[in-house]
């Protein structure tokens, strides 16, 4: 059909058609390149931390599960960041990564029903999506992973385990539980990337990743809301400690300039990173460790609840994956792209 269409065009029309297609293709490639080149601060914990959390969690699993995950460790680890990529391409994905608890009053955790249907009945779905659905989405993915284990679907097990790890990691970040997610309400723009990307990328290799063996979780939903509660309680410390430190450190000591792709970029100085990490007294390391350990517990729990299927008979070949039909939707919609 396209061939016949081209035959009916004049030389000039064909040239315009080709130029138009070339421009569209160039724009698409440029947009995709921009997604790849986004700073790590726009990627949740940052690529490094998300991958480390997912990878470390595998080694908390019992021998009956460990072989399967180790066989696919690289694939599973790389998928730790895919949920962040979807935030820029799939409608509704961004709301799965955070929750603005202040919207629900002075004691929000007493006002929010832990189960989705009850929350929708009280606040309606539009309101919940507007202010983030991280805890309810975590419960959903936990259930979906249990179903994948029951079906013994190796591909879905790996994909949902990776997604569960991503959302569990996000839930352990205090700034994912507040509307002041990037310090924009307190004159601290950039603190999001400072806390969850720059500090772990700088000091994370020295963290202690010995976590012990994963344990069965009797009530996954209760654990999820416990994580949210911990993170929300820590938001004040994250913000006030940085604000106090910023008053002590002049800008020329607080920031440094680096060159990237021929462009000067302002970043927090190594000395400032060290001082902020010190005043946090190990908070970032603790949250990473807890995220990894609890992820292992949630994966283990899903497997147990599915009847402890034999994973040694499963294998997945990622080269046979079909493209996700949702991914071409280039809708730049993420509020954390900073």
Protein backbone atom coordinates (compact mmCIF):
# COMPACT_ATOMS: atom_id res chain seq x y z
CA UNK A 1 0.00 0.00 0.00
CA UNK A 2 2.79 2.40 0.94
CA UNK A 3 4.62 1.51 -2.31
CA UNK A 4 1.56 2.34 -4.43
CA UNK A 5 1.13 5.57 -2.50
CA UNK A 6 4.69 6.63 -3.29
CA UNK A 7 4.18 5.94 -7.01
CA UNK A 8 1.32 8.38 -7.09
CA UNK A 9 3.39 11.22 -5.65
CA UNK A 10 5.25 13.79 -7.64
CA UNK A 11 9.03 14.10 -7.13
CA UNK A 12 8.52 17.21 -5.00
CA UNK A 13 5.81 15.60 -2.91
CA UNK A 14 7.94 12.53 -2.33
CA UNK A 15 10.79 14.76 -1.16
CA UNK A 16 8.51 16.55 1.32
CA UNK A 17 7.17 13.21 2.53
CA UNK A 18 10.69 11.85 3.03
CA UNK A 19 11.86 14.99 4.83
CA UNK A 20 8.80 14.89 7.08
CA UNK A 21 9.49 11.26 7.98
CA UNK A 22 13.17 12.04 8.57
CA UNK A 23 12.25 14.88 10.95
CA UNK A 24 9.83 12.64 12.85
CA UNK A 25 12.45 9.92 13.13
CA UNK A 26 15.07 12.43 14.29
CA UNK A 27 12.74 13.80 16.95
CA UNK A 28 11.94 10.29 18.18
CA UNK A 29 15.62 9.36 18.39
CA UNK A 30 16.37 12.63 20.20
CA UNK A 31 13.62 12.02 22.76
CA UNK A 32 14.83 8.50 23.39
CA UNK A 33 18.39 9.78 23.79
CA UNK A 34 17.21 12.34 26.30
CA UNK A 35 15.57 9.60 28.33
CA UNK A 36 18.81 7.66 28.43
CA UNK A 37 20.82 10.76 29.36
CA UNK A 38 18.54 11.93 32.18
CA UNK A 39 20.52 12.61 35.35
CA UNK A 40 20.43 9.91 37.96
CA UNK A 41 18.45 12.15 40.27
CA UNK A 42 15.43 11.63 38.05
CA UNK A 43 15.67 7.85 38.42
CA UNK A 44 14.39 7.08 41.92
CA UNK A 45 17.31 5.78 43.97
CA UNK A 46 19.50 6.18 40.91
CA UNK A 47 20.48 3.33 38.61
CA UNK A 48 23.35 2.22 40.83
CA UNK A 49 21.33 1.93 44.04
CA UNK A 50 18.27 0.29 42.47
CA UNK A 51 20.44 -2.36 40.86
CA UNK A 52 22.44 -2.94 44.02
CA UNK A 53 19.29 -3.33 46.15
CA UNK A 54 17.77 -5.87 43.74
CA UNK A 55 21.02 -7.80 43.39
CA UNK A 56 21.76 -8.00 47.12
CA UNK A 57 18.21 -9.18 47.85
CA UNK A 58 18.81 -12.35 45.81
CA UNK A 59 21.42 -13.55 48.28
CA UNK A 60 18.91 -13.51 51.13
CA UNK A 61 16.87 -16.24 49.40
CA UNK A 62 17.00 -19.93 50.41
CA UNK A 63 18.86 -22.49 48.24
CA UNK A 64 15.58 -23.66 46.64
CA UNK A 65 15.22 -20.19 45.07
CA UNK A 66 18.78 -18.97 44.82
CA UNK A 67 19.82 -21.08 41.83
CA UNK A 68 17.02 -19.73 39.62
CA UNK A 69 17.73 -16.10 40.48
CA UNK A 70 21.51 -16.49 40.14
CA UNK A 71 21.04 -18.06 36.70
CA UNK A 72 19.21 -14.90 35.59
CA UNK A 73 20.99 -12.45 37.90
CA UNK A 74 22.21 -9.99 35.27
CA UNK A 75 18.84 -9.80 33.52
CA UNK A 76 16.96 -9.39 36.79
CA UNK A 77 19.43 -6.78 38.06
CA UNK A 78 19.25 -4.69 34.89
CA UNK A 79 15.45 -4.66 35.04
CA UNK A 80 15.63 -2.96 38.44
CA UNK A 81 15.48 0.42 36.70
CA UNK A 82 12.86 -0.36 34.06
CA UNK A 83 10.01 0.98 36.20
CA UNK A 84 11.71 4.39 36.13
CA UNK A 85 11.92 4.26 32.34
CA UNK A 86 8.20 3.61 32.22
CA UNK A 87 7.55 6.78 34.22
CA UNK A 88 8.38 8.73 31.06
CA UNK A 89 6.50 6.53 28.63
CA UNK A 90 3.47 4.88 30.23
CA UNK A 91 0.46 6.83 31.45
CA UNK A 92 -0.20 6.25 35.15
CA UNK A 93 3.23 4.81 35.97
CA UNK A 94 4.62 7.89 37.73
CA UNK A 95 1.98 7.74 40.50
CA UNK A 96 3.20 4.25 41.47
CA UNK A 97 6.50 5.61 42.79
CA UNK A 98 5.38 8.00 45.55
CA UNK A 99 2.63 9.12 47.92
CA UNK A 100 2.03 12.68 49.14
CA UNK A 101 0.99 11.85 52.67
CA UNK A 102 0.42 15.45 53.78
CA UNK A 103 -2.64 15.60 51.55
CA UNK A 104 -4.42 13.27 53.94
CA UNK A 105 -4.19 15.42 57.06
CA UNK A 106 -1.90 15.81 60.07
CA UNK A 107 -2.10 12.08 60.86
CA UNK A 108 -2.33 10.65 57.35
CA UNK A 109 -1.45 7.09 58.25
CA UNK A 110 -4.51 6.95 60.49
CA UNK A 111 -6.74 8.24 57.70
CA UNK A 112 -5.58 6.06 54.82
CA UNK A 113 -7.17 2.60 54.43
CA UNK A 114 -4.47 -0.01 53.74
CA UNK A 115 -6.59 -1.79 51.12
CA UNK A 116 -7.17 -0.24 47.70
CA UNK A 117 -10.93 -0.76 47.48
CA UNK A 118 -11.45 0.90 50.86
CA UNK A 119 -9.17 3.79 49.88
CA UNK A 120 -11.08 4.33 46.62
CA UNK A 121 -14.38 4.29 48.49
CA UNK A 122 -13.14 6.99 50.86
CA UNK A 123 -11.16 9.28 48.53
CA UNK A 124 -11.99 8.19 44.92
CA UNK A 125 -9.47 6.85 42.43
CA UNK A 126 -8.62 10.21 40.79
CA UNK A 127 -7.57 11.71 44.12
CA UNK A 128 -5.43 8.72 45.02
CA UNK A 129 -3.66 8.71 41.66
CA UNK A 130 -3.07 12.46 41.83
CA UNK A 131 -1.24 12.13 45.15
CA UNK A 132 0.52 8.83 44.52
CA UNK A 133 -0.36 5.17 45.02
CA UNK A 134 3.00 3.66 46.01
CA UNK A 135 1.86 1.46 48.97
CA UNK A 136 -1.19 0.04 47.20
CA UNK A 137 0.82 -0.61 44.05
CA UNK A 138 3.38 -2.51 46.11
CA UNK A 139 0.63 -4.77 47.43
CA UNK A 140 -0.63 -5.35 43.90
CA UNK A 141 2.80 -6.30 42.54
CA UNK A 142 3.32 -8.62 45.53
CA UNK A 143 0.08 -10.41 44.64
CA UNK A 144 1.01 -10.52 40.94
CA UNK A 145 4.37 -12.09 41.80
CA UNK A 146 2.62 -14.75 43.88
CA UNK A 147 0.44 -15.55 40.86
CA UNK A 148 3.51 -15.74 38.61
CA UNK A 149 5.13 -18.26 40.97
CA UNK A 150 1.91 -20.29 41.00
CA UNK A 151 1.88 -20.38 37.17
CA UNK A 152 5.63 -21.09 37.16
CA UNK A 153 6.07 -18.35 34.55
CA UNK A 154 9.81 -17.69 34.62
CA UNK A 155 9.63 -14.46 32.64
CA UNK A 156 6.92 -12.91 34.80
CA UNK A 157 8.66 -14.08 37.98
CA UNK A 158 11.80 -12.19 37.01
CA UNK A 159 10.03 -9.09 35.72
CA UNK A 160 7.70 -8.78 38.70
CA UNK A 161 10.52 -9.49 41.17
CA UNK A 162 12.48 -6.65 39.59
CA UNK A 163 9.49 -4.31 39.71
CA UNK A 164 8.74 -5.28 43.30
CA UNK A 165 12.33 -4.42 44.15
CA UNK A 166 12.06 -1.04 42.47
CA UNK A 167 8.88 -0.02 44.27
CA UNK A 168 10.10 -1.43 47.60
CA UNK A 169 13.28 0.63 47.23
CA UNK A 170 11.26 3.77 46.45
CA UNK A 171 9.11 3.20 49.52
CA UNK A 172 12.26 3.32 51.68
CA UNK A 173 13.10 6.84 50.44
CA UNK A 174 11.67 9.52 52.76
CA UNK A 175 11.30 12.01 49.92
CA UNK A 176 8.94 9.63 48.09
CA UNK A 177 6.43 10.09 50.90
CA UNK A 178 6.08 13.87 50.91
CA UNK A 179 4.80 16.57 48.58
CA UNK A 180 8.07 18.43 49.29
CA UNK A 181 9.80 15.65 47.34
CA UNK A 182 12.63 17.81 46.02
CA UNK A 183 12.83 20.50 48.68
CA UNK A 184 11.00 22.83 46.29
CA UNK A 185 8.79 24.11 49.12
CA UNK A 186 11.72 24.90 51.41
CA UNK A 187 14.32 26.30 49.02
CA UNK A 188 16.26 23.02 48.87
CA UNK A 189 15.84 22.15 45.21
CA UNK A 190 18.05 19.19 44.34
CA UNK A 191 17.91 17.41 47.69
CA UNK A 192 16.09 14.48 46.06
CA UNK A 193 19.11 13.52 43.97
CA UNK A 194 21.48 14.45 46.80
CA UNK A 195 19.93 11.98 49.27
CA UNK A 196 18.99 9.04 47.08
CA UNK A 197 21.53 9.17 44.24
CA UNK A 198 24.66 11.17 44.98
CA UNK A 199 25.28 9.79 48.49
CA UNK A 200 24.81 6.07 47.69
CA UNK A 201 26.76 6.39 44.44
CA UNK A 202 29.63 8.01 46.33
CA UNK A 203 29.73 5.87 49.47
CA UNK A 204 27.63 2.81 48.64
CA UNK A 205 30.45 0.44 47.79
CA UNK A 206 31.57 0.59 51.42
CA UNK A 207 28.14 -0.23 52.86
CA UNK A 208 27.54 -3.51 54.71
CA UNK A 209 25.43 -5.83 52.56
CA UNK A 210 25.42 -8.88 54.81
CA UNK A 211 21.71 -9.19 55.54
CA UNK A 212 21.01 -12.73 56.66
CA UNK A 213 18.30 -15.04 55.29
CA UNK A 214 14.90 -13.83 54.16
CA UNK A 215 11.97 -14.55 56.48
CA UNK A 216 8.32 -15.24 55.73
CA UNK A 217 6.06 -12.17 56.10
CA UNK A 218 2.70 -13.01 57.63
CA UNK A 219 1.05 -9.76 56.51
CA UNK A 220 2.81 -8.16 53.50
CA UNK A 221 0.42 -5.19 53.48
CA UNK A 222 1.28 -4.39 57.10
CA UNK A 223 5.00 -4.47 56.28
CA UNK A 224 4.47 -2.15 53.32
CA UNK A 225 2.68 0.42 55.46
CA UNK A 226 5.35 0.08 58.13
CA UNK A 227 7.94 1.02 55.50
CA UNK A 228 5.86 4.02 54.44
CA UNK A 229 5.47 5.09 58.06
CA UNK A 230 9.24 4.90 58.68
CA UNK A 231 10.01 6.90 55.55
CA UNK A 232 7.47 9.59 56.34
CA UNK A 233 8.82 9.93 59.89
CA UNK A 234 12.30 10.53 58.46
CA UNK A 235 11.33 13.29 56.02
CA UNK A 236 11.76 16.03 58.61
CA UNK A 237 15.31 14.91 59.42
CA UNK A 238 16.24 14.65 55.74
CA UNK A 239 15.15 18.22 55.10
CA UNK A 240 16.04 20.03 58.33
CA UNK A 241 19.52 18.52 58.62
CA UNK A 242 20.39 19.57 55.09
CA UNK A 243 18.94 23.06 55.63
CA UNK A 244 21.06 23.51 58.76
CA UNK A 245 24.18 22.24 57.01
CA UNK A 246 23.60 24.54 54.04
CA UNK A 247 23.67 27.52 56.43
CA UNK A 248 27.14 26.48 57.58
CA UNK A 249 28.68 25.88 54.14
CA UNK A 250 29.07 28.70 51.59
CA UNK A 251 28.01 27.99 48.01
CA UNK A 252 31.59 27.88 46.70
CA UNK A 253 32.26 24.97 49.10
CA UNK A 254 28.85 23.39 48.69
CA UNK A 255 28.96 22.98 44.93
CA UNK A 256 31.47 22.03 42.29
CA UNK A 257 31.33 22.22 38.51
CA UNK A 258 32.02 19.28 36.24
CA UNK A 259 32.02 18.98 32.47
CA UNK A 260 29.64 16.61 30.71
CA UNK A 261 29.29 16.47 26.94
CA UNK A 262 31.06 19.81 26.75
CA UNK A 263 28.63 21.48 29.15
CA UNK A 264 29.45 22.66 32.66
CA UNK A 265 27.14 21.16 35.28
CA UNK A 266 26.79 22.11 38.92
CA UNK A 267 26.93 19.25 41.42
CA UNK A 268 27.30 18.93 45.16
CA UNK A 269 30.96 18.86 46.15
CA UNK A 270 32.51 15.66 47.55
CA UNK A 271 33.13 17.45 50.84
CA UNK A 272 29.47 18.45 51.12
CA UNK A 273 28.34 14.92 50.32
CA UNK A 274 30.56 13.62 53.08
CA UNK A 275 29.30 16.14 55.63
CA UNK A 276 25.62 15.57 54.80
CA UNK A 277 26.10 11.81 54.91
CA UNK A 278 27.74 12.20 58.33
CA UNK A 279 24.93 14.29 59.83
CA UNK A 280 22.42 11.73 58.57
CA UNK A 281 24.28 9.19 60.75
CA UNK A 282 24.01 6.27 58.34
CA UNK A 283 20.37 6.79 57.35
CA UNK A 284 20.94 6.15 53.64
CA UNK A 285 22.84 2.93 54.28
CA UNK A 286 20.16 1.72 56.72
CA UNK A 287 17.36 2.35 54.25
CA UNK A 288 19.24 0.57 51.44
CA UNK A 289 19.92 -2.43 53.67
CA UNK A 290 16.31 -2.59 54.83
CA UNK A 291 15.02 -2.24 51.27
CA UNK A 292 17.17 -5.14 50.08
CA UNK A 293 16.36 -7.40 53.03
CA UNK A 294 12.63 -6.71 52.92
CA UNK A 295 12.61 -7.27 49.17
CA UNK A 296 14.12 -10.70 49.76
CA UNK A 297 11.45 -11.39 52.38
CA UNK A 298 8.64 -10.34 50.04
CA UNK A 299 9.93 -12.49 47.16
CA UNK A 300 10.32 -15.44 49.52
CA UNK A 301 6.80 -14.88 50.88
CA UNK A 302 5.30 -14.82 47.37
CA UNK A 303 7.03 -18.12 46.58
CA UNK A 304 5.79 -19.76 49.80
CA UNK A 305 2.25 -18.51 49.27
CA UNK A 306 2.32 -19.98 45.75
CA UNK A 307 3.07 -23.40 47.15
CA UNK A 308 6.88 -23.34 46.89
CA UNK A 309 7.08 -24.44 43.24
CA UNK A 310 10.28 -26.07 41.97
CA UNK A 311 12.26 -23.24 40.36
CA UNK A 312 15.08 -25.51 39.22
CA UNK A 313 12.98 -26.59 36.25
CA UNK A 314 12.46 -23.01 35.06
CA UNK A 315 14.57 -21.06 32.60
CA UNK A 316 13.92 -17.82 30.74
CA UNK A 317 15.47 -16.54 27.53
CA UNK A 318 15.13 -12.73 27.42
CA UNK A 319 16.07 -12.61 23.72
CA UNK A 320 12.60 -14.02 22.97
CA UNK A 321 10.83 -11.09 24.61
CA UNK A 322 8.28 -9.19 22.58
CA UNK A 323 8.42 -5.36 22.61
CA UNK A 324 6.16 -3.73 25.18
CA UNK A 325 3.39 -1.99 23.19
CA UNK A 326 3.19 0.73 25.84
CA UNK A 327 6.81 1.84 25.57
CA UNK A 328 6.50 4.00 22.38
CA UNK A 329 4.16 6.39 24.22
CA UNK A 330 6.54 9.29 24.76
CA UNK A 331 4.72 11.28 27.42
CA UNK A 332 7.14 13.29 29.53
CA UNK A 333 5.09 13.45 32.71
CA UNK A 334 7.30 12.73 35.71
CA UNK A 335 7.38 15.38 38.41
CA UNK A 336 10.80 14.21 39.67
CA UNK A 337 12.67 14.97 36.45
CA UNK A 338 15.06 17.47 37.98
